[in-house]
Protein backbone atom coordinates (compact mmCIF):
# COMPACT_ATOMS: atom_id res chain seq x y z
CA MET A 1 -11.11 -54.56 -107.11
CA LYS A 2 -13.50 -51.87 -107.03
CA LEU A 3 -12.01 -50.65 -110.47
CA LYS A 4 -12.45 -53.91 -111.97
CA ASN A 5 -16.26 -54.03 -110.96
CA ALA A 6 -16.77 -50.57 -112.28
CA LEU A 7 -15.30 -51.37 -115.78
CA VAL A 8 -17.63 -54.62 -115.90
CA ALA A 9 -20.63 -52.55 -115.09
CA LEU A 10 -19.80 -49.88 -117.55
CA THR A 11 -19.21 -52.54 -120.23
CA ALA A 12 -22.43 -54.37 -119.36
CA LEU A 13 -24.21 -50.84 -119.45
CA GLY A 14 -22.68 -50.31 -122.86
CA VAL A 15 -23.90 -53.79 -124.22
CA PHE A 16 -27.39 -53.01 -123.14
CA ALA A 17 -27.79 -49.36 -123.99
CA SER A 18 -25.99 -49.67 -127.52
CA PRO A 19 -29.21 -51.05 -129.21
CA LEU A 20 -31.58 -48.45 -127.47
CA ALA A 21 -29.21 -45.66 -128.75
CA ALA A 22 -29.22 -47.42 -132.27
CA GLN A 23 -33.26 -47.28 -132.41
CA ALA A 24 -33.60 -43.69 -130.99
CA GLY A 25 -34.37 -42.60 -134.14
CA THR A 26 -31.95 -39.61 -134.15
CA THR A 27 -30.55 -38.17 -137.20
CA ALA A 28 -28.37 -35.49 -138.18
CA SER A 29 -30.79 -34.09 -140.77
CA ALA A 30 -33.18 -33.84 -137.83
CA ALA A 31 -31.17 -31.38 -136.28
CA ALA A 32 -29.66 -29.67 -139.11
CA GLY A 33 -33.00 -29.46 -141.28
CA LYS A 34 -33.90 -30.32 -144.18
CA ILE A 35 -31.05 -30.01 -147.22
CA THR A 36 -33.92 -29.63 -149.83
CA ASN A 37 -34.72 -26.12 -147.91
CA VAL A 38 -31.75 -24.59 -149.21
CA PRO A 39 -32.35 -22.50 -152.31
CA GLY A 40 -30.71 -23.99 -155.22
CA MET A 41 -30.54 -27.58 -153.99
CA GLY A 42 -32.58 -30.19 -155.84
CA VAL A 43 -33.51 -33.64 -154.75
CA ARG A 44 -30.75 -36.14 -154.76
CA GLN A 45 -30.93 -39.20 -157.15
CA SER A 46 -29.14 -42.31 -157.54
CA THR A 47 -27.30 -43.49 -160.36
CA VAL A 48 -26.92 -46.62 -162.25
CA VAL A 49 -23.80 -48.44 -161.55
CA ARG A 50 -22.06 -49.25 -164.76
CA SER A 51 -20.05 -52.78 -165.41
CA LYS A 52 -16.86 -50.91 -165.62
CA GLN A 53 -17.59 -49.83 -162.18
CA LYS A 54 -18.36 -52.98 -160.56
CA ALA A 55 -15.62 -55.03 -158.57
CA ASP A 56 -13.23 -57.15 -160.40
CA GLY A 57 -11.23 -60.37 -160.03
CA ALA A 58 -8.37 -58.20 -158.42
CA ILE A 59 -10.62 -57.52 -155.47
CA VAL A 60 -11.19 -61.08 -154.90
CA ALA A 61 -7.78 -61.89 -155.15
CA LEU A 62 -6.73 -59.23 -152.38
CA ALA A 63 -9.30 -60.61 -150.14
CA VAL A 64 -7.83 -63.98 -150.52
CA VAL A 65 -4.61 -62.69 -149.60
CA GLY A 66 -5.91 -61.08 -146.86
CA ALA A 67 -7.34 -63.97 -145.21
CA ALA A 68 -4.45 -66.04 -145.84
CA ALA A 69 -2.30 -63.20 -144.04
CA GLY A 70 -4.69 -63.33 -141.20
CA GLY A 71 -4.52 -67.06 -140.89
CA TYR A 72 -0.80 -67.12 -140.97
CA GLY A 73 -1.00 -64.30 -138.19
CA ILE A 74 -3.23 -66.29 -136.07
CA TYR A 75 -0.75 -69.61 -136.50
CA GLU A 76 2.21 -67.82 -135.54
CA ALA A 77 0.29 -66.59 -132.19
CA VAL A 78 -0.84 -69.58 -130.90
CA LYS A 79 2.47 -71.65 -132.29
CA ASP A 80 4.12 -73.27 -129.46
CA ASP A 81 8.04 -72.73 -129.56
CA LYS A 82 8.81 -73.48 -126.21
CA SER A 83 10.99 -76.45 -125.12
CA ASN A 84 9.28 -79.01 -122.92
CA GLY A 85 12.88 -79.19 -121.09
CA SER A 86 14.11 -82.46 -122.02
């Protein structure tokens, strides 16, 4: 019973501590220094996304097939195949 209580306490601590850790303001760049300080490295810039790089209908079809497969999996998991004994 003590192990169960310890696991519940650790889970609760994780639930309450995760937002604090997310807002701590720590970044990998703060520990490693600025990348622009490296000689020969320029400032990073974003690029324009062209229409041929955008998602097309195949992505939508794949999402529909994935949702259908997930729904079928849930249906099979909750389906009751047991006989009532009569």
